[in-house]
Amino acid sequence: MSRIHEALKKAEQERAASQGGAAPPSYTNTPVADEPVFSDSPAAASSPAGTAAHLGMPAFASPLTIDTLLARCPQTEWTPDMTTMLFMNGDDSARGTEEFRTLRSRLYHLREKMTLKTLLVTSALPKEGKSFISANLAQVIVRQHGRRVLLIDADLRGPRLQQMLGTTPGPGLSDYLQGRNDEFSIIQRGPMENFFFMPSGTGIADPAELVGNGRLKILLQRLEPLFDWIIMDSPPAIPVSDASILAKACDGVLMVVRSNVTPSDVARKARLEFPDQALVGVVLNGTSGDETPYARYYYESYQKKATTTKA
């Protein structure tokens, strides 16, 4: 029986006693809507709590813990593409690895000045290397002792990360956003310690509407305390609106442009899809092999005072 019901019952009894009348009939057997009970079980997705989450209300009351995550997230076998996953082949001196360390360092410098934990990686057009950057950035971060990273494939239109990592595409993000799965069943643990992956999930027809239904923000709020970084790979910014919607749930945006491929006017147009304070940097990908290593990746920090930092 709810506390509200008890209070109303007591007030009614006191009023009747003060008037010398008989006490009102007992409400003990009257059906009353009790306070909601929240659960971490998958059934919550189809319960009233799941409905509340769909409307932007918290789906669960109890916080997640890393012990619960480790116990309930499935351990999966990955067969990564060693030509693109630079930190999974044991060669710390492979081409490109030092540039990712530089990028990692720059992001930590930015974190000293702003809140930066959830990072969206996008590009202006397809095939510019955003998935490559997302995956290897996540890997280079977990190479640091004790750093825990969640990599999310939020490109529900053309997911690539599961192929690069050599794992299954689902269940994943789309299944959670539709209320079909809980957090634990959509996060995978791979071969690298402290590296977690959330695939895109089941293919859907309306990705923009799904990523904007409010459940993504709830998911990130629940997962943020468990990870040092959450990195999301998004669709390109120009062809579809998904990236700008996803960016609203993140602390910052990292844009990837491809050398000698991305038209400058298209890159500028893509930049305008995000507020100045949200765009934390630009990575130049795909430069020729005869260029110096530090020219292959270009990092530009956008600050409110329009300052620029280059690595």
Protein backbone atom coordinates (compact mmCIF):
# COMPACT_ATOMS: atom_id res chain seq x y z
CA MET A 1 0.00 0.00 0.00
CA SER A 2 1.44 3.40 -0.90
CA ARG A 3 2.39 6.03 1.64
CA ILE A 4 0.01 8.49 -0.02
CA HIS A 5 -2.89 6.12 0.49
CA GLU A 6 -1.97 5.60 4.17
CA ALA A 7 -1.80 9.37 4.76
CA LEU A 8 -5.20 9.95 3.16
CA LYS A 9 -6.72 7.14 5.21
CA LYS A 10 -5.35 8.51 8.47
CA ALA A 11 -6.53 12.05 7.70
CA GLU A 12 -10.03 10.78 6.91
CA GLN A 13 -10.19 8.84 10.19
CA GLU A 14 -9.06 11.85 12.23
CA ARG A 15 -11.62 14.09 10.55
CA ALA A 16 -14.44 11.61 11.25
CA ALA A 17 -13.39 11.25 14.92
CA SER A 18 -13.32 15.03 15.43
CA GLN A 19 -16.87 15.26 14.06
CA GLY A 20 -18.11 12.46 16.33
CA GLY A 21 -19.03 10.29 13.38
CA ALA A 22 -18.12 6.74 12.56
CA ALA A 23 -14.83 6.00 11.04
CA PRO A 24 -14.95 5.54 7.26
CA PRO A 25 -14.89 2.07 5.83
CA SER A 26 -11.52 0.39 5.61
CA TYR A 27 -9.64 0.75 2.32
CA THR A 28 -7.48 -2.29 2.95
CA ASN A 29 -8.95 -4.27 0.11
CA THR A 30 -9.16 -1.35 -2.30
CA PRO A 31 -6.77 -1.76 -5.26
CA VAL A 32 -4.03 0.86 -5.01
CA ALA A 33 -1.16 1.55 -7.41
CA ASP A 34 1.98 1.00 -5.34
CA GLU A 35 5.21 2.87 -5.91
CA PRO A 36 7.11 1.50 -8.94
CA VAL A 37 9.66 -1.22 -8.35
CA PHE A 38 12.76 -1.04 -10.55
CA SER A 39 14.87 -3.97 -11.61
CA ASP A 40 18.10 -4.68 -13.44
CA SER A 41 16.52 -7.66 -15.19
CA PRO A 42 15.96 -7.76 -18.96
CA ALA A 43 12.21 -7.91 -18.31
CA ALA A 44 12.36 -4.25 -17.31
CA ALA A 45 12.43 -3.30 -20.98
CA SER A 46 8.84 -4.49 -21.43
CA SER A 47 7.61 -3.40 -17.97
CA PRO A 48 6.13 -0.02 -16.97
CA ALA A 49 9.68 1.00 -16.06
CA GLY A 50 10.69 0.33 -19.66
CA THR A 51 7.81 2.51 -20.83
CA ALA A 52 9.00 5.27 -18.51
CA ALA A 53 12.47 5.06 -20.02
CA HIS A 54 10.97 5.42 -23.49
CA LEU A 55 9.43 8.68 -22.32
CA GLY A 56 12.76 9.96 -21.03
CA MET A 57 12.37 8.83 -17.40
CA PRO A 58 14.94 6.62 -15.64
CA ALA A 59 14.38 2.97 -16.48
CA PHE A 60 16.22 1.71 -13.38
CA ALA A 61 16.77 2.98 -9.87
CA SER A 62 19.81 0.95 -8.83
CA PRO A 63 23.25 2.07 -10.11
CA LEU A 64 25.46 -0.20 -12.18
CA THR A 65 28.76 -1.45 -10.80
CA ILE A 66 31.81 -2.70 -12.65
CA ASP A 67 31.56 -6.04 -10.84
CA THR A 68 28.01 -6.50 -12.15
CA LEU A 69 29.12 -5.49 -15.62
CA LEU A 70 32.02 -7.95 -15.64
CA ALA A 71 29.82 -10.74 -14.35
CA ARG A 72 26.98 -10.28 -16.81
CA CYS A 73 28.58 -9.03 -20.04
CA PRO A 74 29.28 -11.91 -22.42
CA GLN A 75 32.91 -12.81 -23.16
CA THR A 76 33.14 -13.18 -26.93
CA GLU A 77 35.79 -14.51 -29.32
CA TRP A 78 37.09 -11.84 -31.65
CA THR A 79 39.07 -12.30 -34.86
CA PRO A 80 40.19 -8.71 -35.50
CA ASP A 81 41.49 -7.42 -38.82
CA MET A 82 45.17 -6.98 -37.98
CA THR A 83 45.72 -4.65 -40.93
CA THR A 84 43.47 -2.01 -39.38
CA MET A 85 43.49 -2.80 -35.64
CA LEU A 86 46.96 -1.44 -34.91
CA PHE A 87 47.20 -2.33 -31.23
CA MET A 88 46.04 -5.94 -31.39
CA ASN A 89 48.99 -7.45 -33.23
CA GLY A 90 51.62 -6.88 -30.57
CA ASP A 91 53.66 -4.44 -32.67
CA ASP A 92 53.86 -1.21 -30.67
CA SER A 93 55.97 0.45 -33.34
CA ALA A 94 53.63 -0.15 -36.27
CA ARG A 95 52.98 2.78 -38.56
CA GLY A 96 50.33 5.05 -37.10
CA THR A 97 50.61 3.91 -33.47
CA GLU A 98 52.63 6.93 -32.36
CA GLU A 99 50.14 9.30 -33.92
CA PHE A 100 47.34 7.69 -31.93
CA ARG A 101 49.37 8.15 -28.76
CA THR A 102 49.71 11.83 -29.65
CA LEU A 103 45.98 12.09 -30.22
CA ARG A 104 45.35 10.39 -26.88
CA SER A 105 47.62 12.88 -25.14
CA ARG A 106 45.87 15.84 -26.77
CA LEU A 107 42.49 14.59 -25.63
CA TYR A 108 43.71 14.27 -22.06
CA HIS A 109 45.05 17.83 -22.23
CA LEU A 110 41.63 19.00 -23.35
CA ARG A 111 40.01 17.07 -20.52
CA GLU A 112 41.87 19.29 -18.07
CA LYS A 113 39.94 22.28 -19.41
CA MET A 114 36.50 20.82 -20.09
CA THR A 115 34.22 17.90 -19.35
CA LEU A 116 35.22 15.26 -21.88
CA LYS A 117 34.27 11.66 -21.27
CA THR A 118 31.85 10.72 -24.06
CA LEU A 119 33.38 11.41 -27.47
CA LEU A 120 31.59 11.19 -30.81
CA VAL A 121 33.77 10.39 -33.83
CA THR A 122 32.29 11.34 -37.18
CA SER A 123 33.20 12.50 -40.69
CA ALA A 124 31.66 14.60 -43.41
CA LEU A 125 31.22 11.75 -45.89
CA PRO A 126 31.40 7.94 -45.87
CA LYS A 127 34.72 6.08 -46.22
CA GLU A 128 36.89 8.74 -44.60
CA GLY A 129 38.16 6.49 -41.81
CA LYS A 130 36.05 7.41 -38.79
CA SER A 131 35.61 3.76 -37.74
CA PHE A 132 39.36 3.19 -38.06
CA ILE A 133 40.04 6.22 -35.86
CA SER A 134 37.36 5.26 -33.31
CA ALA A 135 38.58 1.69 -32.86
CA ASN A 136 42.29 2.48 -32.62
CA LEU A 137 41.74 5.44 -30.32
CA ALA A 138 39.85 3.14 -27.95
CA GLN A 139 42.67 0.60 -28.13
CA VAL A 140 45.47 3.08 -27.45
CA ILE A 141 43.63 4.41 -24.40
CA VAL A 142 43.24 0.98 -22.78
CA ARG A 143 46.97 0.40 -23.28
CA GLN A 144 47.38 2.76 -20.34
CA HIS A 145 47.19 0.92 -17.04
CA GLY A 146 43.76 0.88 -15.47
CA ARG A 147 41.98 2.78 -18.26
CA ARG A 148 38.61 1.29 -19.17
CA VAL A 149 36.94 2.18 -22.50
CA LEU A 150 33.58 1.43 -24.08
CA LEU A 151 33.49 1.62 -27.89
CA ILE A 152 29.98 2.02 -29.31
CA ASP A 153 29.06 1.48 -32.95
CA ALA A 154 26.33 4.10 -33.26
CA ASP A 155 26.37 4.00 -37.05
CA LEU A 156 23.07 2.17 -37.40
CA ARG A 157 23.05 2.71 -41.18
CA GLY A 158 26.43 1.31 -42.19
CA PRO A 159 28.17 -0.33 -39.21
CA ARG A 160 31.79 -1.34 -39.74
CA LEU A 161 33.30 -1.89 -36.32
CA GLN A 162 32.09 -5.46 -35.85
CA GLN A 163 33.92 -6.41 -39.06
CA MET A 164 37.13 -4.69 -37.97
CA LEU A 165 37.00 -6.32 -34.53
CA GLY A 166 35.87 -9.66 -35.94
CA THR A 167 32.81 -10.07 -33.76
CA THR A 168 29.03 -10.34 -34.02
CA PRO A 169 26.83 -7.35 -34.93
CA GLY A 170 24.27 -7.94 -32.19
CA PRO A 171 22.46 -7.70 -29.98
CA GLY A 172 23.51 -4.09 -29.77
CA LEU A 173 22.58 -0.45 -29.48
CA SER A 174 19.47 -0.56 -31.67
CA ASP A 175 18.07 -3.45 -29.63
CA TYR A 176 18.48 -1.48 -26.41
CA LEU A 177 16.91 1.65 -27.91
CA GLN A 178 13.89 -0.42 -28.92
CA GLY A 179 13.57 -1.86 -25.42
CA ARG A 180 14.46 -5.41 -26.46
CA ASN A 181 17.67 -5.83 -24.45
CA ASP A 182 19.27 -4.47 -21.31
CA GLU A 183 22.76 -2.98 -20.99
CA PHE A 184 24.48 -6.21 -20.05
CA SER A 185 23.41 -8.24 -23.07
CA ILE A 186 24.57 -5.64 -25.62
CA ILE A 187 28.11 -5.06 -24.30
CA GLN A 188 30.87 -7.46 -25.28
CA ARG A 189 34.22 -8.15 -23.62
CA GLY A 190 37.00 -8.84 -26.08
CA PRO A 191 40.62 -10.03 -25.90
CA MET A 192 42.08 -6.71 -24.70
CA GLU A 193 41.74 -6.03 -20.99
CA ASN A 194 39.38 -3.17 -20.12
CA PHE A 195 38.19 -2.88 -23.73
CA PHE A 196 34.42 -3.20 -24.11
CA PHE A 197 32.39 -3.01 -27.31
CA MET A 198 28.73 -2.32 -28.03
CA PRO A 199 27.81 -3.30 -31.62
CA SER A 200 25.16 -1.54 -33.67
CA GLY A 201 22.56 -4.29 -33.27
CA THR A 202 19.64 -5.29 -35.44
CA GLY A 203 19.17 -3.26 -38.62
CA ILE A 204 16.28 -0.80 -38.55
CA ALA A 205 14.48 1.44 -41.03
CA ASP A 206 14.40 4.71 -39.01
CA PRO A 207 17.76 5.22 -37.23
CA ALA A 208 17.36 9.00 -36.72
CA GLU A 209 14.07 8.60 -34.88
CA LEU A 210 15.46 5.76 -32.78
CA VAL A 211 18.63 7.52 -31.60
CA GLY A 212 16.53 10.54 -30.66
CA ASN A 213 13.95 8.71 -28.53
CA GLY A 214 15.65 9.59 -25.22
CA ARG A 215 16.91 6.14 -24.23
CA LEU A 216 20.46 6.80 -25.48
CA LYS A 217 20.97 9.57 -22.94
CA ILE A 218 19.72 7.31 -20.15
CA LEU A 219 22.06 4.54 -21.30
CA LEU A 220 25.10 6.83 -21.30
CA GLN A 221 24.22 8.25 -17.89
CA ARG A 222 24.17 4.74 -16.44
CA LEU A 223 27.38 3.62 -18.14
CA GLU A 224 29.55 6.73 -17.71
CA PRO A 225 30.60 5.97 -14.10
CA LEU A 226 32.02 2.60 -15.19
CA PHE A 227 34.36 3.84 -17.93
CA ASP A 228 37.16 6.36 -18.33
CA TRP A 229 36.07 7.03 -21.90
CA ILE A 230 33.03 6.22 -24.03
CA ILE A 231 33.78 6.54 -27.75
CA MET A 232 30.95 6.47 -30.28
CA ASP A 233 31.39 5.89 -33.99
CA SER A 234 28.57 7.73 -35.79
CA PRO A 235 27.28 8.00 -39.35
CA PRO A 236 28.78 10.77 -41.52
CA ALA A 237 27.39 14.22 -40.79
CA ILE A 238 26.42 15.42 -44.27
CA PRO A 239 24.19 12.68 -45.76
CA VAL A 240 22.04 12.08 -42.64
CA SER A 241 21.09 13.83 -39.41
CA ASP A 242 22.08 11.04 -36.99
CA ALA A 243 25.47 12.53 -36.08
CA SER A 244 24.06 15.86 -34.94
CA ILE A 245 21.44 14.04 -32.84
CA LEU A 246 24.04 11.74 -31.28
CA ALA A 247 26.33 14.68 -30.55
CA LYS A 248 23.76 16.15 -28.16
CA ALA A 249 24.30 13.17 -25.86
CA CYS A 250 28.12 13.50 -25.94
CA ASP A 251 30.65 15.85 -24.39
CA GLY A 252 32.62 16.43 -27.57
CA VAL A 253 32.94 15.67 -31.28
CA LEU A 254 36.07 14.55 -33.13
CA MET A 255 35.83 14.92 -36.91
CA VAL A 256 37.78 12.84 -39.41
CA VAL A 257 38.66 14.15 -42.87
CA ARG A 258 40.51 12.18 -45.54
CA SER A 259 43.54 13.69 -47.18
CA ASN A 260 43.05 14.62 -50.86
CA VAL A 261 39.54 13.17 -50.75
CA THR A 262 37.27 15.29 -48.55
CA PRO A 263 36.38 18.54 -50.37
CA SER A 264 37.17 21.54 -48.19
CA ASP A 265 33.71 23.06 -48.63
CA VAL A 266 32.11 19.78 -47.57
CA ALA A 267 34.33 19.62 -44.48
CA ARG A 268 33.32 23.17 -43.56
CA LYS A 269 29.66 22.32 -44.04
CA ALA A 270 30.00 19.26 -41.80
CA ARG A 271 31.69 21.38 -39.14
CA LEU A 272 28.63 23.65 -39.03
CA GLU A 273 26.49 20.70 -37.97
CA PHE A 274 27.99 20.99 -34.48
CA PRO A 275 28.35 23.90 -32.02
CA ASP A 276 31.82 25.39 -31.74
CA GLN A 277 32.20 24.25 -28.14
CA ALA A 278 31.27 20.67 -29.09
CA LEU A 279 33.87 20.20 -31.83
CA VAL A 280 37.10 19.37 -29.99
CA GLY A 281 39.31 18.38 -32.90
CA VAL A 282 39.92 17.26 -36.47
CA VAL A 283 41.96 14.24 -37.57
CA LEU A 284 43.51 14.11 -41.03
CA ASN A 285 43.52 10.52 -42.22
CA GLY A 286 44.96 8.73 -45.24
CA THR A 287 47.99 10.82 -46.13
CA SER A 288 50.71 9.42 -48.37
CA GLY A 289 53.51 7.29 -46.95
CA ASP A 290 56.30 9.69 -47.89
CA GLU A 291 55.02 12.37 -45.55
CA THR A 292 56.49 12.73 -42.09
CA PRO A 293 54.71 10.71 -39.41
CA TYR A 294 53.46 13.72 -37.49
CA ALA A 295 51.92 15.16 -40.64
CA ARG A 296 49.66 12.15 -41.09
CA TYR A 297 47.37 13.15 -38.24
CA TYR A 298 46.35 16.71 -37.65
CA TYR A 299 44.66 17.73 -34.44
CA GLU A 300 42.95 21.06 -34.07
CA SER A 301 41.35 22.18 -30.82
CA TYR A 302 38.39 24.50 -31.15
CA GLN A 303 38.05 26.75 -28.09
CA LYS A 304 35.60 29.54 -27.43
CA LYS A 305 38.40 32.04 -28.00
CA ALA A 306 39.16 30.44 -31.38
CA THR A 307 42.58 29.21 -30.30
CA THR A 308 44.21 26.51 -32.38
CA THR A 309 46.55 23.72 -31.30
CA LYS A 310 48.41 21.51 -33.74
CA ALA A 311 50.24 18.27 -33.10
